Amino acid sequence: MSGASPAGPSPASPLGPDDWRRVRAALLYMGRDLHHRSYAVTAERRELLWQEMDACLALAERIPADGDEALSAGPAAAIMGAADPPAANA
């Protein structure tokens, strides 16, 4: 039996440039969606949505848009705030 799960790659699998572009696009989409939703809620809820929107957009900005070498250098640690990736289960 192989080490890969049927649900997809393990969390420790490195992401390729196309994967990072998809993650960035999803974060941008989520930020725009939160902004649109903020028009139909109370002022208190709107502030929460805007905070989440700002967090999504700030994280998206940290992912290179063009898929250059920075992606293959491992942006996950910088994005997730970790100095080193988690160790694989031995």
Protein backbone atom coordinates (compact mmCIF):
# COMPACT_ATOMS: atom_id res chain seq x y z
CA MET A 1 0.00 0.00 0.00
CA SER A 2 1.34 3.44 -0.88
CA GLY A 3 1.93 6.22 1.65
CA ALA A 4 -0.47 8.66 -0.04
CA SER A 5 -3.98 8.87 1.31
CA PRO A 6 -6.95 8.44 -1.04
CA ALA A 7 -8.14 11.94 -0.10
CA GLY A 8 -5.05 13.57 -1.64
CA PRO A 9 -1.50 14.55 -0.77
CA SER A 10 -0.38 14.70 2.82
CA PRO A 11 -0.13 18.12 4.52
CA ALA A 12 3.67 17.86 4.35
CA SER A 13 3.64 17.59 0.52
CA PRO A 14 5.36 20.56 -1.11
CA LEU A 15 3.13 22.83 -3.18
CA GLY A 16 4.09 23.68 -6.72
CA PRO A 17 3.83 27.11 -8.37
CA ASP A 18 0.38 26.32 -9.81
CA ASP A 19 -0.84 25.32 -6.36
CA TRP A 20 0.39 28.60 -4.86
CA ARG A 21 -1.33 30.57 -7.65
CA ARG A 22 -4.58 28.75 -6.82
CA VAL A 23 -4.17 29.47 -3.11
CA ARG A 24 -3.51 33.15 -3.87
CA ALA A 25 -6.52 33.35 -6.21
CA ALA A 26 -8.74 31.70 -3.60
CA LEU A 27 -7.63 34.17 -0.91
CA LEU A 28 -8.31 37.11 -3.22
CA TYR A 29 -11.73 35.69 -4.11
CA MET A 30 -12.53 35.17 -0.44
CA GLY A 31 -11.52 38.73 0.38
CA ARG A 32 -13.79 40.11 -2.35
CA ASP A 33 -16.64 37.84 -1.23
CA LEU A 34 -16.31 39.02 2.37
CA HIS A 35 -16.40 42.62 1.17
CA HIS A 36 -19.61 42.01 -0.80
CA ARG A 37 -21.22 40.24 2.17
CA SER A 38 -20.38 43.15 4.46
CA TYR A 39 -23.06 45.33 2.84
CA ALA A 40 -25.89 43.16 4.19
CA VAL A 41 -24.89 42.97 7.86
CA THR A 42 -24.81 45.12 10.96
CA ALA A 43 -21.94 47.53 11.59
CA GLU A 44 -20.52 45.25 14.29
CA ARG A 45 -20.52 42.24 11.98
CA ARG A 46 -19.16 44.38 9.13
CA GLU A 47 -16.07 45.20 11.19
CA LEU A 48 -15.43 41.49 11.74
CA LEU A 49 -15.86 40.74 8.04
CA TRP A 50 -13.50 43.56 7.12
CA GLN A 51 -10.88 42.28 9.54
CA GLU A 52 -11.10 38.85 7.95
CA MET A 53 -11.06 40.40 4.48
CA ASP A 54 -7.90 42.36 5.33
CA ALA A 55 -6.24 39.20 6.68
CA CYS A 56 -7.07 37.27 3.48
CA LEU A 57 -5.80 40.04 1.22
CA ALA A 58 -2.63 40.53 3.27
CA LEU A 59 -1.88 36.82 3.11
CA ALA A 60 -2.54 36.76 -0.64
CA GLU A 61 -0.06 39.62 -1.09
CA ARG A 62 2.63 37.48 0.54
CA ILE A 63 2.31 34.85 -2.19
CA PRO A 64 4.16 35.76 -5.41
CA ALA A 65 1.70 36.22 -8.26
CA ASP A 66 3.99 35.11 -11.06
CA GLY A 67 5.13 31.71 -9.75
CA ASP A 68 8.80 32.68 -9.73
CA GLU A 69 11.64 30.97 -7.87
CA ALA A 70 10.38 32.24 -4.52
CA LEU A 71 7.61 29.66 -4.70
CA SER A 72 9.98 26.74 -5.07
CA ALA A 73 12.04 28.10 -2.17
CA GLY A 74 9.17 27.20 0.16
CA PRO A 75 6.89 30.13 0.99
CA ALA A 76 4.76 28.00 3.32
CA ALA A 77 7.00 28.68 6.33
CA ALA A 78 6.85 32.43 5.78
CA ILE A 79 3.12 32.40 5.13
CA MET A 80 2.31 30.19 8.09
CA GLY A 81 4.75 32.00 10.36
CA ALA A 82 6.87 28.95 11.08
CA ALA A 83 10.65 28.93 10.90
CA ASP A 84 10.83 25.29 9.85
CA PRO A 85 8.22 22.98 8.31
CA PRO A 86 6.82 20.36 10.68
CA ALA A 87 8.77 17.12 10.85
CA ALA A 88 7.29 14.15 9.05
CA ASN A 89 6.03 11.28 11.17
CA ALA A 90 8.76 8.68 11.41
